[in-house]
C-alpha atoms as a PDB file:
ATOM      1  CA  VAL A   1      11.832   4.128  51.220  1.00  0.00           C
ATOM      2  CA  THR A   2      14.524   2.380  53.236  1.00  0.00           C
ATOM      3  CA  PHE A   3      14.167   2.650  57.009  1.00  0.00           C
ATOM      4  CA  VAL A   4      17.347   2.778  59.074  1.00  0.00           C
ATOM      5  CA  ASP A   5      18.480   3.008  62.677  1.00  0.00           C
ATOM      6  CA  GLN A   6      19.133   6.735  62.810  1.00  0.00           C
ATOM      7  CA  ASP A   7      21.915   6.275  65.387  1.00  0.00           C
ATOM      8  CA  ASP A   8      23.890   3.918  63.138  1.00  0.00           C
ATOM      9  CA  PRO A   9      26.056   5.796  60.586  1.00  0.00           C
ATOM     10  CA  ALA A  10      26.807   2.548  58.745  1.00  0.00           C
ATOM     11  CA  ALA A  11      23.072   1.938  58.266  1.00  0.00           C
ATOM     12  CA  TRP A  12      22.645   5.322  56.576  1.00  0.00           C
ATOM     13  CA  ARG A  13      25.575   4.654  54.246  1.00  0.00           C
ATOM     14  CA  ALA A  14      24.439   1.122  53.426  1.00  0.00           C
ATOM     15  CA  ALA A  15      20.944   2.325  52.525  1.00  0.00           C
ATOM     16  CA  VAL A  16      22.131   4.624  49.716  1.00  0.00           C
ATOM     17  CA  ARG A  17      21.094   3.411  46.255  1.00  0.00           C
ATOM     18  CA  PRO A  18      21.464   4.968  42.780  1.00  0.00           C
ATOM     19  CA  THR A  19      17.825   6.062  43.065  1.00  0.00           C
ATOM     20  CA  THR A  20      18.237   7.728  46.469  1.00  0.00           C
ATOM     21  CA  ARG A  21      17.102  11.347  46.339  1.00  0.00           C
ATOM     22  CA  ALA A  22      17.078  12.485  49.981  1.00  0.00           C
ATOM     23  CA  PHE A  23      17.713  11.583  53.603  1.00  0.00           C
ATOM     24  CA  PHE A  24      14.818  12.314  55.958  1.00  0.00           C
ATOM     25  CA  ALA A  25      14.799  12.370  59.770  1.00  0.00           C
ATOM     26  CA  GLU A  26      13.331  14.136  62.799  1.00  0.00           C
ATOM     27  CA  THR A  27      15.490  16.275  65.062  1.00  0.00           C
ATOM     28  CA  VAL A  28      13.541  14.832  68.001  1.00  0.00           C
ATOM     29  CA  ALA A  29      11.620  11.693  67.139  1.00  0.00           C
ATOM     30  CA  ASN A  30       8.064  10.992  68.223  1.00  0.00           C
ATOM     31  CA  PRO A  31       7.224   9.212  70.543  1.00  0.00           C
ATOM     32  CA  LEU A  32      10.525   8.166  72.201  1.00  0.00           C
ATOM     33  CA  ALA A  33      12.332  11.525  71.888  1.00  0.00           C
ATOM     34  CA  GLN A  34      15.478  10.195  70.214  1.00  0.00           C
ATOM     35  CA  VAL A  35      17.788  13.096  69.359  1.00  0.00           C
ATOM     36  CA  LEU A  36      19.363  13.010  65.911  1.00  0.00           C
ATOM     37  CA  ASP A  37      23.063  13.656  65.343  1.00  0.00           C
ATOM     38  CA  VAL A  38      22.183  16.101  62.575  1.00  0.00           C
ATOM     39  CA  ARG A  39      25.721  16.995  61.554  1.00  0.00           C
ATOM     40  CA  LEU A  40      26.743  13.357  61.202  1.00  0.00           C
ATOM     41  CA  VAL A  41      23.729  12.451  59.050  1.00  0.00           C
ATOM     42  CA  ALA A  42      24.055  15.651  56.993  1.00  0.00           C
ATOM     43  CA  ASP A  43      27.656  14.793  56.152  1.00  0.00           C
ATOM     44  CA  ILE A  44      26.667  11.273  55.070  1.00  0.00           C
ATOM     45  CA  ALA A  45      23.816  12.657  52.935  1.00  0.00           C
ATOM     46  CA  HIS A  46      26.100  15.167  51.246  1.00  0.00           C
ATOM     47  CA  ASP A  47      28.701  12.461  50.583  1.00  0.00           C
ATOM     48  CA  ALA A  48      25.903  10.603  48.777  1.00  0.00           C
ATOM     49  CA  GLY A  49      25.045  13.738  46.803  1.00  0.00           C
ATOM     50  CA  VAL A  50      21.564  14.235  48.277  1.00  0.00           C
ATOM     51  CA  PRO A  51      19.982  16.791  50.628  1.00  0.00           C
ATOM     52  CA  LEU A  52      19.074  16.169  54.252  1.00  0.00           C
ATOM     53  CA  ILE A  53      15.414  16.949  54.948  1.00  0.00           C
ATOM     54  CA  ILE A  54      14.674  17.499  58.629  1.00  0.00           C
ATOM     55  CA  ASP A  55      11.321  17.375  60.404  1.00  0.00           C
ATOM     56  CA  ASN A  56      11.818  19.929  63.183  1.00  0.00           C
ATOM     57  CA  THR A  57       8.240  19.880  64.478  1.00  0.00           C
ATOM     58  CA  VAL A  58       9.021  18.749  68.029  1.00  0.00           C
ATOM     59  CA  ALA A  59      12.137  20.866  68.554  1.00  0.00           C
ATOM     60  CA  THR A  60      10.903  23.969  66.672  1.00  0.00           C
ATOM     61  CA  PRO A  61      13.330  26.720  65.615  1.00  0.00           C
ATOM     62  CA  TYR A  62      13.510  27.818  69.260  1.00  0.00           C
ATOM     63  CA  LEU A  63      15.211  24.649  70.482  1.00  0.00           C
ATOM     64  CA  GLN A  64      17.224  23.929  67.341  1.00  0.00           C
ATOM     65  CA  ARG A  65      18.060  25.550  64.001  1.00  0.00           C
ATOM     66  CA  PRO A  66      19.003  22.605  61.766  1.00  0.00           C
ATOM     67  CA  LYS A  67      20.736  24.815  59.191  1.00  0.00           C
ATOM     68  CA  GLN A  68      23.529  25.377  61.694  1.00  0.00           C
ATOM     69  CA  HIS A  69      24.189  21.637  61.644  1.00  0.00           C
ATOM     70  CA  GLY A  70      24.104  20.989  57.899  1.00  0.00           C
ATOM     71  CA  ALA A  71      20.427  20.400  57.066  1.00  0.00           C
ATOM     72  CA  ASP A  72      19.170  21.582  53.672  1.00  0.00           C
ATOM     73  CA  ILE A  73      15.369  21.554  53.928  1.00  0.00           C
ATOM     74  CA  VAL A  74      13.222  21.737  57.061  1.00  0.00           C
ATOM     75  CA  VAL A  75       9.559  20.795  57.414  1.00  0.00           C
ATOM     76  CA  HIS A  76       7.159  21.473  60.266  1.00  0.00           C
ATOM     77  CA  SER A  77       3.694  20.436  61.195  1.00  0.00           C
ATOM     78  CA  ALA A  78       2.668  23.961  62.157  1.00  0.00           C
ATOM     79  CA  THR A  79      -0.442  22.522  63.790  1.00  0.00           C
ATOM     80  CA  LYS A  80       1.810  21.689  66.732  1.00  0.00           C
ATOM     81  CA  PHE A  81       4.058  24.119  68.610  1.00  0.00           C
ATOM     82  CA  ILE A  82       4.168  26.835  65.959  1.00  0.00           C
ATOM     83  CA  GLY A  83       0.423  27.385  66.239  1.00  0.00           C
ATOM     84  CA  GLY A  84       0.601  26.280  69.836  1.00  0.00           C
ATOM     85  CA  HIS A  85      -3.065  25.738  70.635  1.00  0.00           C
ATOM     86  CA  GLY A  86      -4.212  22.837  68.477  1.00  0.00           C
ATOM     87  CA  ALA A  87      -6.617  25.174  66.726  1.00  0.00           C
ATOM     88  CA  ALA A  88      -5.284  25.433  63.168  1.00  0.00           C
ATOM     89  CA  LEU A  89      -4.130  22.808  60.683  1.00  0.00           C
ATOM     90  CA  GLY A  90      -1.068  23.727  58.684  1.00  0.00           C
ATOM     91  CA  GLY A  91       2.447  22.827  57.654  1.00  0.00           C
ATOM     92  CA  LEU A  92       5.447  24.461  56.095  1.00  0.00           C
ATOM     93  CA  VAL A  93       8.563  23.760  54.088  1.00  0.00           C
ATOM     94  CA  VAL A  94      11.689  25.849  54.636  1.00  0.00           C
ATOM     95  CA  ASP A  95      14.245  25.633  51.843  1.00  0.00           C
ATOM     96  CA  LEU A  96      17.495  26.678  53.497  1.00  0.00           C
ATOM     97  CA  GLY A  97      19.172  27.262  50.137  1.00  0.00           C
ATOM     98  CA  THR A  98      22.237  25.214  51.057  1.00  0.00           C
ATOM     99  CA  PHE A  99      22.000  22.282  48.640  1.00  0.00           C
ATOM    100  CA  ASP A 100      23.459  22.622  45.144  1.00  0.00           C
ATOM    101  CA  PHE A 101      20.943  20.977  42.801  1.00  0.00           C
ATOM    102  CA  THR A 102      23.179  21.781  39.819  1.00  0.00           C
ATOM    103  CA  ALA A 103      26.144  19.687  40.955  1.00  0.00           C
ATOM    104  CA  ASP A 104      24.480  16.579  39.490  1.00  0.00           C
ATOM    105  CA  ALA A 105      21.986  18.187  37.138  1.00  0.00           C
ATOM    106  CA  ALA A 106      20.758  14.928  35.573  1.00  0.00           C
ATOM    107  CA  ARG A 107      19.648  13.764  39.004  1.00  0.00           C
ATOM    108  CA  TRP A 108      17.212  16.681  39.331  1.00  0.00           C
ATOM    109  CA  PRO A 109      15.619  17.155  35.884  1.00  0.00           C
ATOM    110  CA  GLN A 110      12.613  19.049  37.232  1.00  0.00           C
ATOM    111  CA  LEU A 111      14.980  21.748  38.472  1.00  0.00           C
ATOM    112  CA  ASN A 112      17.551  21.755  35.697  1.00  0.00           C
ATOM    113  CA  THR A 113      15.421  21.580  32.553  1.00  0.00           C
ATOM    114  CA  PRO A 114      12.861  24.222  31.465  1.00  0.00           C
ATOM    115  CA  LEU A 115       9.286  23.749  32.676  1.00  0.00           C
ATOM    116  CA  ALA A 116       6.338  24.618  30.460  1.00  0.00           C
ATOM    117  CA  ARG A 117       4.654  26.546  33.269  1.00  0.00           C
ATOM    118  CA  VAL A 118       7.786  28.622  33.912  1.00  0.00           C
ATOM    119  CA  PRO A 119       8.881  29.816  30.449  1.00  0.00           C
ATOM    120  CA  GLY A 120      12.549  30.420  29.810  1.00  0.00           C
ATOM    121  CA  ALA A 121      15.540  28.802  31.421  1.00  0.00           C
ATOM    122  CA  ALA A 122      15.564  26.056  34.044  1.00  0.00           C
ATOM    123  CA  LEU A 123      14.537  26.925  37.591  1.00  0.00           C
ATOM    124  CA  THR A 124      18.106  26.669  38.851  1.00  0.00           C
ATOM    125  CA  GLU A 125      19.189  29.214  36.210  1.00  0.00           C
ATOM    126  CA  GLN A 126      16.360  31.627  36.947  1.00  0.00           C
ATOM    127  CA  PHE A 127      16.077  31.351  40.704  1.00  0.00           C
ATOM    128  CA  GLY A 128      19.405  29.966  41.926  1.00  0.00           C
ATOM    129  CA  PRO A 129      19.172  28.684  45.526  1.00  0.00           C
ATOM    130  CA  LYS A 130      15.400  29.341  45.513  1.00  0.00           C
ATOM    131  CA  ALA A 131      14.792  26.849  42.683  1.00  0.00           C
ATOM    132  CA  TYR A 132      13.371  24.072  44.838  1.00  0.00           C
ATOM    133  CA  LEU A 133      11.046  26.442  46.688  1.00  0.00           C
ATOM    134  CA  THR A 134       9.890  27.855  43.368  1.00  0.00           C
ATOM    135  CA  LEU A 135       9.073  24.345  42.159  1.00  0.00           C
ATOM    136  CA  LEU A 136       6.959  23.752  45.255  1.00  0.00           C
ATOM    137  CA  ARG A 137       5.060  26.990  44.722  1.00  0.00           C
ATOM    138  CA  THR A 138       4.540  26.780  40.954  1.00  0.00           C
ATOM    139  CA  LYS A 139       3.781  23.074  40.645  1.00  0.00           C
ATOM    140  CA  TYR A 140       2.858  21.226  43.824  1.00  0.00           C
ATOM    141  CA  SER A 141       1.077  23.975  45.704  1.00  0.00           C
ATOM    142  CA  GLN A 142      -0.836  24.969  42.567  1.00  0.00           C
ATOM    143  CA  ASP A 143      -1.666  21.436  41.393  1.00  0.00           C
ATOM    144  CA  LEU A 144      -2.330  19.723  44.727  1.00  0.00           C
ATOM    145  CA  GLY A 145      -3.712  22.685  46.636  1.00  0.00           C
ATOM    146  CA  PRO A 146      -1.913  22.548  50.007  1.00  0.00           C
ATOM    147  CA  SER A 147      -2.511  26.231  50.688  1.00  0.00           C
ATOM    148  CA  LEU A 148      -3.501  27.684  54.025  1.00  0.00           C
ATOM    149  CA  SER A 149      -6.707  29.583  54.454  1.00  0.00           C
ATOM    150  CA  ALA A 150      -6.146  33.204  55.424  1.00  0.00           C
ATOM    151  CA  PHE A 151      -7.577  32.625  58.898  1.00  0.00           C
ATOM    152  CA  ASN A 152      -5.392  29.580  59.599  1.00  0.00           C
ATOM    153  CA  ALA A 153      -2.355  31.536  58.404  1.00  0.00           C
ATOM    154  CA  PHE A 154      -3.298  34.303  60.836  1.00  0.00           C
ATOM    155  CA  GLN A 155      -3.606  31.826  63.714  1.00  0.00           C
ATOM    156  CA  LEU A 156      -0.198  30.306  62.981  1.00  0.00           C
ATOM    157  CA  LEU A 157       1.478  33.695  62.662  1.00  0.00           C
ATOM    158  CA  GLN A 158      -0.076  34.731  65.945  1.00  0.00           C
ATOM    159  CA  GLY A 159       1.264  31.585  67.563  1.00  0.00           C
ATOM    160  CA  LEU A 160       4.781  32.352  66.309  1.00  0.00           C
ATOM    161  CA  GLU A 161       4.778  35.590  68.286  1.00  0.00           C
ATOM    162  CA  SER A 162       4.940  33.682  71.577  1.00  0.00           C
ATOM    163  CA  LEU A 163       6.955  30.641  70.427  1.00  0.00           C
ATOM    164  CA  ASP A 164      10.028  31.437  72.528  1.00  0.00           C
ATOM    165  CA  LEU A 165       8.052  31.970  75.734  1.00  0.00           C
ATOM    166  CA  ARG A 166       5.959  28.862  75.253  1.00  0.00           C
ATOM    167  CA  MET A 167       8.823  26.556  74.309  1.00  0.00           C
ATOM    168  CA  ALA A 168      10.855  27.631  77.321  1.00  0.00           C
ATOM    169  CA  ARG A 169       7.883  26.770  79.563  1.00  0.00           C
ATOM    170  CA  HIS A 170       7.120  23.496  77.754  1.00  0.00           C
ATOM    171  CA  SER A 171      10.728  22.327  78.038  1.00  0.00           C
ATOM    172  CA  ALA A 172      11.280  23.327  81.656  1.00  0.00           C
ATOM    173  CA  THR A 173       8.065  21.679  82.809  1.00  0.00           C
ATOM    174  CA  ALA A 174       8.779  18.535  80.794  1.00  0.00           C
ATOM    175  CA  GLN A 175      12.151  18.219  82.498  1.00  0.00           C
ATOM    176  CA  THR A 176      10.458  18.428  85.897  1.00  0.00           C
ATOM    177  CA  VAL A 177       7.848  15.855  84.917  1.00  0.00           C
ATOM    178  CA  ALA A 178      10.457  13.470  83.484  1.00  0.00           C
ATOM    179  CA  GLU A 179      12.552  13.653  86.640  1.00  0.00           C
ATOM    180  CA  THR A 180       9.472  12.919  88.756  1.00  0.00           C
ATOM    181  CA  LEU A 181       8.410   9.968  86.619  1.00  0.00           C
ATOM    182  CA  ASP A 182      11.954   8.605  86.710  1.00  0.00           C
ATOM    183  CA  THR A 183      11.710   8.119  90.487  1.00  0.00           C
ATOM    184  CA  HIS A 184       8.193   6.647  90.633  1.00  0.00           C
ATOM    185  CA  PRO A 185       8.046   2.927  91.488  1.00  0.00           C
ATOM    186  CA  ALA A 186       5.300   2.250  88.926  1.00  0.00           C
ATOM    187  CA  VAL A 187       7.492   3.524  86.056  1.00  0.00           C
ATOM    188  CA  ALA A 188      10.053   1.210  84.480  1.00  0.00           C
ATOM    189  CA  ARG A 189      11.716   3.727  82.176  1.00  0.00           C
ATOM    190  CA  VAL A 190      11.419   7.331  81.013  1.00  0.00           C
ATOM    191  CA  HIS A 191      12.376   8.199  77.442  1.00  0.00           C
ATOM    192  CA  HIS A 192      13.477  11.798  77.892  1.00  0.00           C
ATOM    193  CA  PRO A 193      16.813  13.095  76.572  1.00  0.00           C
ATOM    194  CA  GLY A 194      17.109  15.562  79.424  1.00  0.00           C
ATOM    195  CA  LEU A 195      17.767  12.690  81.833  1.00  0.00           C
ATOM    196  CA  ALA A 196      21.382  11.638  82.316  1.00  0.00           C
ATOM    197  CA  SER A 197      20.285   8.005  81.897  1.00  0.00           C
ATOM    198  CA  SER A 198      19.030   8.619  78.348  1.00  0.00           C
ATOM    199  CA  PRO A 199      21.190   7.276  75.505  1.00  0.00           C
ATOM    200  CA  TRP A 200      20.501  10.596  73.742  1.00  0.00           C
ATOM    201  CA  HIS A 201      21.484  12.833  76.659  1.00  0.00           C
ATOM    202  CA  ASP A 202      24.833  13.775  75.136  1.00  0.00           C
ATOM    203  CA  ALA A 203      23.177  14.546  71.793  1.00  0.00           C
ATOM    204  CA  ALA A 204      20.582  16.676  73.574  1.00  0.00           C
ATOM    205  CA  THR A 205      23.342  18.611  75.321  1.00  0.00           C
ATOM    206  CA  ARG A 206      24.933  19.353  71.931  1.00  0.00           C
ATOM    207  CA  TYR A 207      21.859  19.971  69.806  1.00  0.00           C
ATOM    208  CA  LEU A 208      19.271  21.240  72.297  1.00  0.00           C
ATOM    209  CA  PRO A 209      21.137  23.679  74.547  1.00  0.00           C
ATOM    210  CA  ARG A 210      17.974  25.663  75.352  1.00  0.00           C
ATOM    211  CA  GLY A 211      16.187  22.624  76.732  1.00  0.00           C
ATOM    212  CA  ALA A 212      15.092  19.163  75.728  1.00  0.00           C
ATOM    213  CA  ALA A 213      11.804  18.397  74.045  1.00  0.00           C
ATOM    214  CA  SER A 214       8.453  18.308  75.818  1.00  0.00           C
ATOM    215  CA  VAL A 215       7.106  15.353  73.820  1.00  0.00           C
ATOM    216  CA  PHE A 216       8.376  12.096  75.306  1.00  0.00           C
ATOM    217  CA  SER A 217       7.247   8.713  76.574  1.00  0.00           C
ATOM    218  CA  PHE A 218       7.527   6.515  79.625  1.00  0.00           C
ATOM    219  CA  GLU A 219       7.078   2.794  80.231  1.00  0.00           C
ATOM    220  CA  LEU A 220       5.032   1.087  82.883  1.00  0.00           C
ATOM    221  CA  HIS A 221       6.510  -2.100  84.312  1.00  0.00           C
ATOM    222  CA  PRO A 222       5.586  -4.953  81.963  1.00  0.00           C
ATOM    223  CA  GLY A 223       2.710  -7.173  82.985  1.00  0.00           C
ATOM    224  CA  ALA A 224       1.766 -10.733  82.118  1.00  0.00           C
ATOM    225  CA  ASP A 225       1.244  -9.971  78.416  1.00  0.00           C
ATOM    226  CA  ALA A 226       0.408  -7.177  75.965  1.00  0.00           C
ATOM    227  CA  ASP A 227      -3.289  -7.236  76.893  1.00  0.00           C
ATOM    228  CA  ASP A 228      -2.417  -6.781  80.549  1.00  0.00           C
ATOM    229  CA  ASP A 229      -0.083  -3.891  79.663  1.00  0.00           C
ATOM    230  CA  PHE A 230      -2.854  -2.233  77.643  1.00  0.00           C
ATOM    231  CA  THR A 231      -5.369  -2.643  80.473  1.00  0.00           C
ATOM    232  CA  ARG A 232      -3.030  -1.026  82.977  1.00  0.00           C
ATOM    233  CA  ALA A 233      -2.099   1.790  80.600  1.00  0.00           C
ATOM    234  CA  ALA A 234      -5.771   2.470  79.926  1.00  0.00           C
ATOM    235  CA  ALA A 235      -6.528   2.484  83.658  1.00  0.00           C
ATOM    236  CA  LEU A 236      -3.758   5.020  84.217  1.00  0.00           C
ATOM    237  CA  ILE A 237      -4.990   7.296  81.437  1.00  0.00           C
ATOM    238  CA  ASP A 238      -8.577   7.060  82.726  1.00  0.00           C
ATOM    239  CA  ARG A 239      -7.435   8.394  86.111  1.00  0.00           C
ATOM    240  CA  LEU A 240      -5.848  11.528  84.665  1.00  0.00           C
ATOM    241  CA  HIS A 241      -7.705  14.832  84.995  1.00  0.00           C
ATOM    242  CA  VAL A 242      -5.238  17.522  83.863  1.00  0.00           C
ATOM    243  CA  ALA A 243      -3.739  15.548  80.977  1.00  0.00           C
ATOM    244  CA  GLN A 244      -6.237  14.944  78.181  1.00  0.00           C
ATOM    245  CA  LEU A 245      -6.392  11.906  75.897  1.00  0.00           C
ATOM    246  CA  VAL A 246      -5.672  13.431  72.477  1.00  0.00           C
ATOM    247  CA  ALA A 247      -3.504  12.199  69.581  1.00  0.00           C
ATOM    248  CA  ASN A 248      -2.128  15.690  68.899  1.00  0.00           C
ATOM    249  CA  ILE A 249       1.113  17.102  70.329  1.00  0.00           C
ATOM    250  CA  GLY A 250       2.445  20.611  70.872  1.00  0.00           C
ATOM    251  CA  ASP A 251      -0.739  21.951  72.398  1.00  0.00           C
ATOM    252  CA  ALA A 252      -1.141  24.505  75.171  1.00  0.00           C
ATOM    253  CA  ARG A 253      -2.739  21.646  77.129  1.00  0.00           C
ATOM    254  CA  THR A 254      -0.946  18.576  78.429  1.00  0.00           C
ATOM    255  CA  LEU A 255      -1.910  15.638  76.240  1.00  0.00           C
ATOM    256  CA  VAL A 256      -1.522  11.914  76.767  1.00  0.00           C
ATOM    257  CA  ALA A 257      -1.672   9.128  74.194  1.00  0.00           C
ATOM    258  CA  HIS A 258      -1.175   5.379  73.977  1.00  0.00           C
ATOM    259  CA  PRO A 259       0.931   4.916  70.821  1.00  0.00           C
ATOM    260  CA  ALA A 260       0.385   1.174  70.356  1.00  0.00           C
ATOM    261  CA  SER A 261      -3.400   1.590  70.126  1.00  0.00           C
ATOM    262  CA  MET A 262      -3.537   5.126  68.694  1.00  0.00           C
ATOM    263  CA  THR A 263      -0.847   6.849  66.622  1.00  0.00           C
ATOM    264  CA  HIS A 264       1.073   3.638  65.809  1.00  0.00           C
ATOM    265  CA  SER A 265      -1.817   1.172  65.769  1.00  0.00           C
ATOM    266  CA  HIS A 266      -1.247   0.395  62.077  1.00  0.00           C
ATOM    267  CA  LEU A 267       2.130  -1.195  62.815  1.00  0.00           C
ATOM    268  CA  SER A 268       2.631  -4.922  63.274  1.00  0.00           C
ATOM    269  CA  PRO A 269       3.947  -6.266  66.606  1.00  0.00           C
ATOM    270  CA  ALA A 270       7.368  -6.689  65.003  1.00  0.00           C
ATOM    271  CA  GLN A 271       7.362  -3.103  63.725  1.00  0.00           C
ATOM    272  CA  LEU A 272       6.292  -1.786  67.129  1.00  0.00           C
ATOM    273  CA  ALA A 273       9.120  -3.734  68.756  1.00  0.00           C
ATOM    274  CA  ALA A 274      11.607  -2.380  66.209  1.00  0.00           C
ATOM    275  CA  GLY A 275      10.436   1.133  67.073  1.00  0.00           C
ATOM    276  CA  GLY A 276      10.820   0.528  70.807  1.00  0.00           C
ATOM    277  CA  ILE A 277       7.078   0.797  71.451  1.00  0.00           C
ATOM    278  CA  THR A 278       5.151  -1.611  73.675  1.00  0.00           C
ATOM    279  CA  SER A 279       1.622  -1.740  75.063  1.00  0.00           C
ATOM    280  CA  ALA A 280       3.098  -0.283  78.245  1.00  0.00           C
ATOM    281  CA  THR A 281       4.380   2.832  76.442  1.00  0.00           C
ATOM    282  CA  ILE A 282       2.577   6.081  77.244  1.00  0.00           C
ATOM    283  CA  ARG A 283       3.354   9.317  75.419  1.00  0.00           C
ATOM    284  CA  LEU A 284       3.080  12.778  76.922  1.00  0.00           C
ATOM    285  CA  SER A 285       3.034  16.213  75.328  1.00  0.00           C
ATOM    286  CA  ILE A 286       3.583  18.599  78.207  1.00  0.00           C
ATOM    287  CA  GLY A 287       1.497  21.769  78.098  1.00  0.00           C
ATOM    288  CA  LEU A 288       1.538  25.168  79.752  1.00  0.00           C
ATOM    289  CA  GLU A 289      -0.335  24.350  82.951  1.00  0.00           C
ATOM    290  CA  ASP A 290       1.238  24.815  86.371  1.00  0.00           C
ATOM    291  CA  PRO A 291       4.005  22.172  86.611  1.00  0.00           C
ATOM    292  CA  ALA A 292       2.811  21.162  90.085  1.00  0.00           C
ATOM    293  CA  ASP A 293      -0.641  20.362  88.717  1.00  0.00           C
ATOM    294  CA  ILE A 294       0.768  18.136  85.965  1.00  0.00           C
ATOM    295  CA  VAL A 295       3.071  16.325  88.386  1.00  0.00           C
ATOM    296  CA  ALA A 296       0.274  15.787  90.896  1.00  0.00           C
ATOM    297  CA  ASP A 297      -2.063  14.477  88.189  1.00  0.00           C
ATOM    298  CA  LEU A 298       0.434  11.904  86.940  1.00  0.00           C
ATOM    299  CA  THR A 299       1.599  10.943  90.427  1.00  0.00           C
ATOM    300  CA  ASP A 300      -1.938  10.303  91.677  1.00  0.00           C
ATOM    301  CA  ALA A 301      -2.721   8.123  88.661  1.00  0.00           C
ATOM    302  CA  LEU A 302       0.534   6.179  88.995  1.00  0.00           C
ATOM    303  CA  ASP A 303       0.096   5.697  92.733  1.00  0.00           C
ATOM    304  CA  ALA A 304      -3.124   3.825  91.990  1.00  0.00           C
ATOM    305  CA  LEU A 305      -1.104   1.274  89.996  1.00  0.00           C
ATOM    306  CA  SER A 306       1.318   0.626  92.813  1.00  0.00           C
ATOM    307  CA  PRO A 307       1.069  -2.627  94.771  1.00  0.00           C
ATOM    308  CA  GLY A 308      -1.571  -2.540  97.495  1.00  0.00           C
ATOM    309  CA  ARG A 309      -3.612   0.236  95.919  1.00  0.00           C
END
């Protein structure tokens, strides 16, 4: 794997090697809510002869449909917004049927040569644009066992029924919360693409017309050192009552996390810095509670960090 700055087209092009088989990116990245220029990256991927795989977990199909912007395969952690309640583990792969795996057949032998478990012609000859999905079903799902239980499938399908209503609420409330945080004296910066100050605001306007994401982060003012930043972040989180300290996102409840010590704790200081994460970074996943309650909860906790309190 070669990691690149997703906002740098030259970095994507420079990373292509003869062994490159796919580009992979998130429509809205976790935890800083960077918004991907999907069309730009899709065009670069296709110039390199490979598909663009998009993780659309945070945006969901309600906020963005990546196929409209050139993506070829979409993946979701359905545990998040699709299920909507943090109650069922699951994931899904959506083959959009847009990538031609026969254009460079030697590059994709598992799709263009006959498989013993699927007698007859190659998958691309038998199933056309559904060849990749057929490979997932007949080989990887069968051999590795990533199959949902019937009850988890039911929970995720039930969650899908209210996806549009929930995402509209998540996004609208997150915008309100971000605007409030942006004016609080204890907050140094808010990473939310719905704010005009965000470097991804223009991309959000283009790619997320129904509303920006509800998973985003904010920064406390830096202290004396990383330990001081962690202490202050922990004190803030301890004062919250509505927001709950959970590593998940996309829940009906508002969740808070400290990336440097939780979800990204395996990274080195240099890797954290490269990802824009500090010990003063706090991530939020805005839930379905009354917006006023969420704002009041965060404001009260932040007020306690202000000078003189």
